[in-house]
Structure formats: structure tokens, C-alpha cells
Amino acid sequence: MTVKERDSAFIANTYARYPLVAESGNGARVTGENGQTYIDLGSGIAVATFGVCDEEWVKAVTEQLHKIQHFSNLFYTEPQVQLAQMLCERTGMQKVFFGNSGAEANECAIKTARKYAFDKYGADRADIVTLQGSFHGRTLATLAAAGQDALHPDCFAPYPGGFLYAPANDFPALEALCGETVCAVMLELVQGEGGVLPLEPDYVKQVSKLCKEKDILLVIDEVQTGNGRTGTLYAYQQYPADPDIVTTAKGLGGGLPLGACMFGVKTAATLTAGTHGSTFGGNPVCCAGAVSILSRIDGKLLSEVREKGEFIESELSGAPGVKSVTGLGLMLGIETEKSAKNIAAACLVRGVVVLTAKDKVRLLPPLNIAWEELRQAIQILKGVIAE
């Protein structure tokens, strides 16, 4: 049996897979089982920050594997502490909780927001406002947090309550929801799964001000936008926002499962011993990889991310078959006249991996993709879109 046949036989049918069996790669190049190479503009949905098998990342992970691969969070490990310190020093946040995914990071944020309000105001302040079109994870609570009816099918009901949904960029509508029962507002500054749609800075400024005035926690979901993806270390650093909680995952581990929930001054002491935990969260191997990733996301790289994003936007905006380009940095969505899924399939045949989000082609290339590879891939994509 082939890999595809065994997949069909033994793996739950939860993914509509493209016909590529990825066997190996290096940087932005991936090699399939047939020996064909592909330029990867998806990086595992913004996970492989520096592409496939980045040498420095592999070295850091391998060295840690030869020391200790896992130990209980009832004890200390150096890579976890080192990573937490780096995150706090580069964001101004005060404390970090480590999990294994973006969904877990957002679950932690939800629990923290409700506990903060419970400790301070009592039991009647537990609602969280999110935005229509948002996506926060696949657990029941994070599905309930998502402002998309398509993510709330009856087959998974009943969903946890306590979530209210406001239209994106409509401040009066959000303000109207923020009554005495609301403990937090949770935002994606660029709605990834919702169509790669950035929020308007003035709107974010108004929301941040409202949250401060009402002692409502501002939670910024940086699961996909974080770790250099949008041209700053975290997207909120280019917005007029002052978050109390920041969540991230995906590119933080560089390819290994790692999520982080970062707490500001208000929330740093909210979680206490026994109120939350994770068996694998902050695994020393994952954290060693993340230290390698984070240490190399510097000003020079972030400038290149912005420059590459501007290049892609300039090449595709107004091109034949392109209706619009949205996003920030190297997190871009292309609205096309043809089906995005058909474009993705045609690109794969021509040796380029792209993703989709809603009705758009989605681009999330490695942050350090070589200019030659990027130019070649964008020309192929332009040609496919124009056909």
C-alpha cells in the first residue's frame, strides 16, 4: 500500500489533503516522494518559521535531546525558563504559561480572564467578547469563542456559553456588548482563518481604551500573527494596543508543538499552583527550538519580512485575476476571480505550495525565504491566477 492508501485506511478522515507526500526538504524547498521539489509558501501554516530543517534549529533541538527530552513541570528545566525570560524581556509581559498549541494558549487565556474577574468582582462577570469571523482553536471552548456559525455545527453541541460576538471594526457594536457581565475582549489583529483581514488601527485603539476604562481584560490572539510573521515580533507591537494577555503558538516552536500564554501586570498573579497545568507544556526540547527561533528574529529579519510582504503585494495587486490583497508582512490573503482551492491545486502541479483561507489564496512563507525563490514562486502564482 502507498502512503496515501495507508493514510486513507488508518488516519481519521478530518483533512481534505492535497496530493503531495512530503518526504524531506531544506529551507523553503520541500521534496515529495516522487523526487519533485516545491517552493513552500505555507510553512506548515506559519509554523516552520525558518523553513524545513533549519540547521541552527536542528542543532539546538538535537543538543537538548541528548540532555533530557522531558521532565515534569513539578521541577525546573533551563530551556523553559530561558524562553520565558526572552518572551517577557522582548514584550514587556510579566509571566508566561506554556502549553502545546494555540488552542491551549487560548484556553489558558479564557480561564485566566474569568478567574481574574471572579477574584475581583465575583461570579457574574464571565462573558468574553470576540469578533465575527474570528478563529481561536478547535477545542469546544475555543470553537465557542470563534465568531463563525460554520464552526458551530449541531453535531458538537452543546457548546460552552459565555461568548458574545461583535462585527469586526464596528466599535459602537462592541461597546454595546461590553456591559457588567463582560470580563474580556479577545481579538485577532489579523483574522487568519477568517480571510486574512487586518483590524483597523483606530478601532483597536478605541477597544484598548474602553477595556482600560472598564477594567475589561484585552486578550490578543497572536497564534498565527506572532513570532515575526507580520513584520514585528508580535502584531500588537504595530497597533495602538495595550494587551493584558497575549497568546501565541505556531511559529514559536519552529516545527515542534509549543504554545504560550503571556500575562501583563494585571494578570501576572492570577493563576496559582493547581489552577492550571500541562503535562507536555514547555517541553525542554520544544523550548530549546523556540529559543533558537526567537533569538534570530531581530530587526534585520523583521525589516526583510516587511520588505518581502510589500514585494508580494506590489506584484499581485491589480494583476490579472486578482481582486484584492490583504494582510500584514508575510501573512497575506489574495482574493481571486477563480476558485482559491483550484489555484492552490494548480500551483502544486507547477511546484509551488500555497494555502487557502475562506475564498482567498493564503501565503505564509518562511520568514527567511530567499529572494530568488520568492520571486520565482510569485511569478508562478501570478501565472496560475491569470490563466
Protein backbone atom coordinates (compact mmCIF):
# COMPACT_ATOMS: atom_id res chain seq x y z
CA MET A 1 0.00 0.00 0.00
CA THR A 2 1.15 3.53 -0.77
CA VAL A 3 1.40 6.28 1.85
CA LYS A 4 -1.87 7.76 0.56
CA GLU A 5 -3.62 4.38 0.71
CA ARG A 6 -2.41 3.73 4.26
CA ASP A 7 -3.46 7.23 5.24
CA SER A 8 -6.94 6.51 3.96
CA ALA A 9 -7.02 3.18 5.78
CA PHE A 10 -5.70 4.23 9.19
CA ILE A 11 -5.97 8.01 9.74
CA ALA A 12 -9.21 9.76 10.64
CA ASN A 13 -10.64 11.49 7.60
CA THR A 14 -10.52 15.03 9.03
CA TYR A 15 -8.35 16.66 6.34
CA ALA A 16 -9.01 17.29 2.65
CA ARG A 17 -5.40 16.63 1.73
CA TYR A 18 -3.60 17.80 -1.41
CA PRO A 19 -1.79 15.04 -3.37
CA LEU A 20 1.70 15.71 -2.01
CA VAL A 21 3.60 13.31 0.25
CA ALA A 22 6.30 15.50 1.80
CA GLU A 23 9.45 13.47 2.48
CA SER A 24 12.24 15.96 3.07
CA GLY A 25 13.34 19.50 2.44
CA ASN A 26 15.60 22.38 3.25
CA GLY A 27 14.55 25.97 3.89
CA ALA A 28 11.71 26.94 1.57
CA ARG A 29 12.18 23.81 -0.57
CA VAL A 30 10.17 20.64 0.07
CA THR A 31 10.72 17.34 -1.74
CA GLY A 32 7.90 14.91 -2.41
CA GLU A 33 8.02 11.13 -2.69
CA ASN A 34 8.34 11.40 -6.46
CA GLY A 35 11.50 13.49 -6.13
CA GLN A 36 9.82 16.70 -7.30
CA THR A 37 10.77 19.80 -5.34
CA TYR A 38 8.33 22.54 -4.34
CA ILE A 39 8.76 26.13 -3.17
CA ASP A 40 6.83 26.29 0.09
CA LEU A 41 4.75 29.43 0.63
CA GLY A 42 2.83 27.89 3.52
CA SER A 43 5.48 26.82 6.07
CA GLY A 44 3.11 24.34 7.69
CA ILE A 45 0.50 27.10 8.27
CA ALA A 46 3.02 29.60 9.69
CA VAL A 47 4.84 27.00 11.81
CA ALA A 48 8.22 26.42 10.14
CA THR A 49 9.48 29.95 10.83
CA PHE A 50 12.82 29.37 9.11
CA GLY A 51 11.63 26.65 6.76
CA VAL A 52 12.35 22.93 6.71
CA CYS A 53 15.27 21.52 8.73
CA ASP A 54 16.84 24.88 9.55
CA GLU A 55 20.39 24.00 10.61
CA GLU A 56 20.58 26.14 13.75
CA TRP A 57 17.17 24.93 14.91
CA VAL A 58 18.08 21.28 14.28
CA LYS A 59 21.32 21.75 16.22
CA ALA A 60 19.53 23.31 19.22
CA VAL A 61 16.86 20.61 19.30
CA THR A 62 19.38 17.78 18.87
CA GLU A 63 21.66 19.06 21.62
CA GLN A 64 18.70 19.21 24.01
CA LEU A 65 17.61 15.69 23.03
CA HIS A 66 21.00 14.45 24.22
CA LYS A 67 20.48 16.14 27.61
CA ILE A 68 16.86 15.46 28.63
CA GLN A 69 13.81 15.16 26.39
CA HIS A 70 11.11 15.67 29.01
CA PHE A 71 10.65 16.21 32.72
CA SER A 72 7.65 17.00 34.86
CA ASN A 73 6.59 20.61 35.34
CA LEU A 74 6.79 19.87 39.05
CA PHE A 75 10.51 20.53 38.54
CA TYR A 76 12.64 23.09 36.69
CA THR A 77 14.26 22.94 33.25
CA GLU A 78 16.60 25.58 31.82
CA PRO A 79 15.19 25.90 28.27
CA GLN A 80 11.70 26.67 29.58
CA VAL A 81 12.98 29.38 31.93
CA GLN A 82 15.24 30.82 29.24
CA LEU A 83 12.39 31.05 26.74
CA ALA A 84 10.02 32.64 29.25
CA GLN A 85 12.64 35.25 30.13
CA MET A 86 13.22 36.06 26.44
CA LEU A 87 9.49 36.45 25.80
CA CYS A 88 8.99 38.73 28.78
CA GLU A 89 12.02 40.88 28.00
CA ARG A 90 11.00 41.35 24.37
CA THR A 91 7.32 42.09 25.02
CA GLY A 92 7.15 43.74 28.42
CA MET A 93 4.83 41.00 29.63
CA GLN A 94 5.41 39.67 33.15
CA LYS A 95 4.80 35.92 33.20
CA VAL A 96 4.33 33.03 30.75
CA PHE A 97 2.37 29.77 30.82
CA PHE A 98 3.43 27.13 28.29
CA GLY A 99 1.11 24.68 26.57
CA ASN A 100 1.33 22.72 23.33
CA SER A 101 -0.83 24.63 20.84
CA GLY A 102 -2.67 27.81 20.04
CA ALA A 103 -5.95 26.33 21.22
CA GLU A 104 -4.39 25.52 24.60
CA ALA A 105 -2.90 29.01 24.85
CA ASN A 106 -6.34 30.49 24.19
CA GLU A 107 -7.99 28.11 26.68
CA CYS A 108 -5.49 29.38 29.25
CA ALA A 109 -6.37 32.97 28.35
CA ILE A 110 -10.09 32.27 28.76
CA LYS A 111 -9.57 30.64 32.15
CA THR A 112 -7.29 33.45 33.30
CA ALA A 113 -9.71 36.19 32.24
CA ARG A 114 -12.58 34.55 34.09
CA LYS A 115 -10.53 33.92 37.21
CA TYR A 116 -9.25 37.50 37.24
CA ALA A 117 -12.83 38.79 37.13
CA PHE A 118 -14.09 36.21 39.64
CA ASP A 119 -11.37 37.06 42.15
CA LYS A 120 -12.05 40.79 41.82
CA TYR A 121 -15.78 41.07 41.10
CA GLY A 122 -17.43 37.73 41.87
CA ALA A 123 -19.25 35.17 39.75
CA ASP A 124 -21.35 37.39 37.45
CA ARG A 125 -18.59 38.74 35.20
CA ALA A 126 -17.60 35.84 32.93
CA ASP A 127 -18.59 36.80 29.37
CA ILE A 128 -15.92 37.27 26.69
CA VAL A 129 -16.47 39.36 23.57
CA THR A 130 -14.88 38.09 20.35
CA LEU A 131 -15.30 39.18 16.74
CA GLN A 132 -17.38 37.79 13.94
CA GLY A 133 -15.07 35.95 11.55
CA SER A 134 -12.61 35.07 14.31
CA PHE A 135 -10.92 31.72 14.90
CA HIS A 136 -9.36 30.72 18.22
CA GLY A 137 -8.89 26.92 18.10
CA ARG A 138 -10.55 23.52 17.82
CA THR A 139 -11.42 22.67 21.43
CA LEU A 140 -15.04 23.14 22.44
CA ALA A 141 -14.36 26.36 24.33
CA THR A 142 -12.22 27.91 21.61
CA LEU A 143 -14.73 26.84 18.95
CA ALA A 144 -17.42 28.56 21.01
CA ALA A 145 -15.19 31.64 21.15
CA ALA A 146 -14.98 31.78 17.36
CA GLY A 147 -17.44 34.19 15.76
CA GLN A 148 -18.30 31.92 12.83
CA ASP A 149 -21.54 29.95 12.57
CA ALA A 150 -19.77 27.44 10.31
CA LEU A 151 -17.60 26.45 13.30
CA HIS A 152 -20.64 25.72 15.50
CA PRO A 153 -22.30 22.69 13.87
CA ASP A 154 -25.06 20.99 15.84
CA CYS A 155 -23.10 17.73 15.95
CA PHE A 156 -20.73 19.15 18.59
CA ALA A 157 -23.39 20.85 20.71
CA PRO A 158 -23.84 21.87 23.43
CA TYR A 159 -21.07 24.47 23.32
CA PRO A 160 -19.75 26.25 26.41
CA GLY A 161 -21.54 29.55 26.96
CA GLY A 162 -20.24 32.96 27.88
CA PHE A 163 -19.18 34.29 24.47
CA LEU A 164 -20.59 37.35 22.70
CA TYR A 165 -19.79 38.30 19.10
CA ALA A 166 -19.30 41.77 17.61
CA PRO A 167 -18.71 42.71 13.96
CA ALA A 168 -15.06 43.46 13.24
CA ASN A 169 -14.13 47.15 13.06
CA ASP A 170 -17.54 48.24 14.44
CA PHE A 171 -16.67 49.91 17.73
CA PRO A 172 -20.21 51.00 18.72
CA ALA A 173 -21.41 47.40 18.35
CA LEU A 174 -18.59 46.08 20.54
CA GLU A 175 -19.07 48.83 23.10
CA ALA A 176 -22.76 47.97 23.36
CA LEU A 177 -21.88 44.38 24.30
CA CYS A 178 -19.37 45.37 27.00
CA GLY A 179 -21.72 45.50 29.96
CA GLU A 180 -21.24 44.45 33.57
CA THR A 181 -21.06 40.73 32.69
CA VAL A 182 -18.01 41.06 30.40
CA CYS A 183 -14.56 40.14 31.72
CA ALA A 184 -12.54 40.26 28.49
CA VAL A 185 -12.35 41.15 24.81
CA MET A 186 -10.35 38.74 22.61
CA LEU A 187 -9.04 39.93 19.24
CA GLU A 188 -7.01 38.60 16.34
CA LEU A 189 -5.34 41.68 14.87
CA VAL A 190 -5.31 39.88 11.53
CA GLN A 191 -8.10 37.35 11.17
CA GLY A 192 -6.21 34.45 9.59
CA GLU A 193 -8.76 31.69 9.08
CA GLY A 194 -11.40 34.39 8.61
CA GLY A 195 -9.80 35.60 5.38
CA VAL A 196 -6.51 37.30 6.35
CA LEU A 197 -8.25 40.53 7.34
CA PRO A 198 -6.37 43.11 9.45
CA LEU A 199 -8.27 45.17 12.01
CA GLU A 200 -8.25 48.95 11.62
CA PRO A 201 -5.78 50.68 13.97
CA ASP A 202 -8.32 53.30 15.12
CA TYR A 203 -10.74 50.53 16.03
CA VAL A 204 -8.09 48.69 18.05
CA LYS A 205 -7.17 51.96 19.81
CA GLN A 206 -10.80 52.51 20.81
CA VAL A 207 -11.18 48.93 22.06
CA SER A 208 -7.98 49.15 24.08
CA LYS A 209 -9.11 52.44 25.69
CA LEU A 210 -12.56 51.01 26.50
CA CYS A 211 -11.02 47.94 28.13
CA LYS A 212 -8.84 50.10 30.36
CA GLU A 213 -11.75 52.30 31.40
CA LYS A 214 -13.97 49.33 32.33
CA ASP A 215 -11.26 47.02 33.71
CA ILE A 216 -12.08 44.55 30.96
CA LEU A 217 -9.06 42.46 30.01
CA LEU A 218 -7.75 42.83 26.47
CA VAL A 219 -6.62 39.48 25.08
CA ILE A 220 -4.66 39.47 21.82
CA ASP A 221 -4.59 36.14 19.96
CA GLU A 222 -1.20 36.03 18.21
CA VAL A 223 -1.25 32.31 17.44
CA GLN A 224 -0.73 32.94 13.72
CA THR A 225 0.34 36.61 13.65
CA GLY A 226 3.11 36.20 16.21
CA ASN A 227 6.82 35.43 16.11
CA GLY A 228 7.74 37.81 13.33
CA ARG A 229 5.03 36.80 10.89
CA THR A 230 3.57 40.29 10.37
CA GLY A 231 6.84 42.25 10.39
CA THR A 232 7.09 42.89 14.12
CA LEU A 233 7.76 40.26 16.77
CA TYR A 234 4.07 40.39 17.68
CA ALA A 235 1.42 42.17 15.65
CA TYR A 236 0.14 44.20 18.61
CA GLN A 237 3.51 45.99 18.61
CA GLN A 238 2.45 47.83 15.43
CA TYR A 239 -1.04 48.61 16.74
CA PRO A 240 -2.19 51.08 19.41
CA ALA A 241 -2.98 48.22 21.78
CA ASP A 242 -2.00 47.54 25.39
CA PRO A 243 -2.91 43.88 25.98
CA ASP A 244 -3.32 42.20 29.36
CA ILE A 245 -2.88 38.71 27.86
CA VAL A 246 -1.13 37.65 24.64
CA THR A 247 -1.36 34.13 23.25
CA THR A 248 0.89 32.59 20.64
CA ALA A 249 1.97 29.23 19.18
CA LYS A 250 2.62 28.06 15.59
CA GLY A 251 5.95 29.69 14.62
CA LEU A 252 7.23 29.90 18.19
CA GLY A 253 8.44 26.28 18.24
CA GLY A 254 9.72 26.35 14.65
CA GLY A 255 8.10 22.99 13.91
CA LEU A 256 7.60 21.43 17.33
CA PRO A 257 4.34 21.80 19.30
CA LEU A 258 4.51 24.76 21.67
CA GLY A 259 2.04 27.38 22.80
CA ALA A 260 2.46 30.30 25.17
CA CYS A 261 0.06 32.47 27.13
CA MET A 262 1.76 35.68 28.27
CA PHE A 263 0.41 37.78 31.14
CA GLY A 264 0.73 41.52 31.73
CA VAL A 265 0.80 43.35 35.04
CA LYS A 266 -2.91 42.85 35.78
CA THR A 267 -2.92 39.11 35.16
CA ALA A 268 0.59 38.02 36.17
CA ALA A 269 -0.53 36.67 39.56
CA THR A 270 -3.98 35.36 38.56
CA LEU A 271 -3.07 31.72 38.07
CA THR A 272 -1.75 30.00 41.18
CA ALA A 273 -0.50 26.47 41.95
CA GLY A 274 -3.08 23.91 40.91
CA THR A 275 -5.34 26.28 38.93
CA HIS A 276 -3.88 25.29 35.58
CA GLY A 277 -1.30 22.91 34.18
CA SER A 278 0.03 20.90 31.26
CA THR A 279 1.93 17.62 31.11
CA PHE A 280 3.88 18.42 27.96
CA GLY A 281 3.69 22.23 28.01
CA GLY A 282 7.12 23.83 27.99
CA ASN A 283 8.82 20.59 26.99
CA PRO A 284 12.59 21.27 27.08
CA VAL A 285 13.17 20.10 23.50
CA CYS A 286 10.39 22.33 22.14
CA CYS A 287 11.64 25.25 24.23
CA ALA A 288 15.23 24.78 23.06
CA GLY A 289 13.98 25.00 19.49
CA ALA A 290 11.97 28.10 20.33
CA VAL A 291 14.97 29.79 21.95
CA SER A 292 16.85 29.26 18.68
CA ILE A 293 13.95 30.72 16.69
CA LEU A 294 13.29 33.71 18.92
CA SER A 295 16.97 34.65 19.21
CA ARG A 296 17.15 35.14 15.43
CA ILE A 297 14.00 37.21 14.96
CA ASP A 298 15.84 40.53 15.06
CA GLY A 299 15.40 43.95 13.50
CA LYS A 300 17.13 42.98 10.25
CA LEU A 301 14.91 39.93 9.72
CA LEU A 302 11.73 41.85 10.60
CA SER A 303 12.67 44.55 8.11
CA GLU A 304 13.10 41.88 5.42
CA VAL A 305 9.72 40.38 6.32
CA ARG A 306 8.06 43.74 5.75
CA GLU A 307 10.00 44.26 2.52
CA LYS A 308 9.07 40.83 1.18
CA GLY A 309 5.42 41.38 2.09
CA GLU A 310 5.44 44.70 0.24
CA PHE A 311 7.02 42.99 -2.77
CA ILE A 312 4.31 40.32 -2.90
CA GLU A 313 1.58 42.93 -2.54
CA SER A 314 3.04 45.11 -5.29
CA GLU A 315 3.40 42.12 -7.64
CA LEU A 316 -0.13 40.82 -7.12
CA SER A 317 -2.23 43.94 -6.56
CA GLY A 318 -4.00 44.71 -9.82
CA ALA A 319 -2.56 41.65 -11.57
CA PRO A 320 -4.87 39.76 -13.94
CA GLY A 321 -7.34 37.65 -11.97
CA VAL A 322 -6.53 39.31 -8.62
CA LYS A 323 -9.34 41.24 -6.94
CA SER A 324 -7.55 42.31 -3.72
CA VAL A 325 -4.58 41.61 -1.45
CA THR A 326 -4.89 41.88 2.34
CA GLY A 327 -2.72 41.13 5.36
CA LEU A 328 0.48 42.23 7.06
CA GLY A 329 4.09 41.24 6.48
CA LEU A 330 4.32 37.65 5.27
CA MET A 331 0.74 36.84 6.24
CA LEU A 332 -1.21 37.65 3.10
CA GLY A 333 -4.54 36.76 1.53
CA ILE A 334 -5.25 37.10 -2.21
CA GLU A 335 -8.85 37.40 -3.33
CA THR A 336 -9.05 35.94 -6.83
CA GLU A 337 -11.62 35.73 -9.59
CA LYS A 338 -11.13 31.96 -9.81
CA SER A 339 -11.57 29.43 -7.00
CA ALA A 340 -8.77 29.67 -4.45
CA LYS A 341 -8.76 25.90 -3.99
CA ASN A 342 -8.36 25.36 -7.73
CA ILE A 343 -5.49 27.84 -7.78
CA ALA A 344 -3.80 26.03 -4.90
CA ALA A 345 -4.13 22.71 -6.74
CA ALA A 346 -2.74 24.17 -9.97
CA CYS A 347 0.18 25.78 -8.15
CA LEU A 348 1.08 22.43 -6.63
CA VAL A 349 1.31 20.88 -10.09
CA ARG A 350 3.73 23.68 -11.03
CA GLY A 351 5.87 23.20 -7.93
CA VAL A 352 4.56 25.84 -5.50
CA VAL A 353 2.76 25.20 -2.22
CA VAL A 354 0.13 27.78 -1.26
CA LEU A 355 -2.73 27.65 1.24
CA THR A 356 -6.28 28.96 1.35
CA ALA A 357 -8.41 30.88 3.85
CA LYS A 358 -12.12 31.22 3.14
CA ASP A 359 -12.26 32.21 -0.54
CA LYS A 360 -8.69 33.50 -0.68
CA VAL A 361 -5.26 32.15 -1.52
CA ARG A 362 -3.18 32.45 1.66
CA LEU A 363 0.59 32.97 1.72
CA LEU A 364 2.69 32.23 4.83
CA PRO A 365 6.23 31.58 3.53
CA PRO A 366 9.26 31.01 5.76
CA LEU A 367 10.38 34.37 7.11
CA ASN A 368 13.85 33.91 5.65
CA ILE A 369 12.80 32.66 2.21
CA ALA A 370 15.45 33.59 -0.35
CA TRP A 371 14.53 36.43 -2.71
CA GLU A 372 15.20 34.24 -5.76
CA GLU A 373 12.80 31.57 -4.51
CA LEU A 374 10.18 34.13 -3.56
CA ARG A 375 10.29 35.85 -6.95
CA GLN A 376 10.10 32.53 -8.78
CA ALA A 377 7.14 31.33 -6.70
CA ILE A 378 5.21 34.59 -7.06
CA GLN A 379 5.66 34.55 -10.85
CA ILE A 380 4.27 31.01 -10.95
CA LEU A 381 1.36 32.03 -8.72
CA LYS A 382 0.64 35.10 -10.91
CA GLY A 383 0.58 32.90 -13.97
CA VAL A 384 -1.82 30.41 -12.41
CA ILE A 385 -4.16 33.15 -11.21
CA ALA A 386 -4.20 34.77 -14.69
CA GLU A 387 -4.98 31.55 -16.59
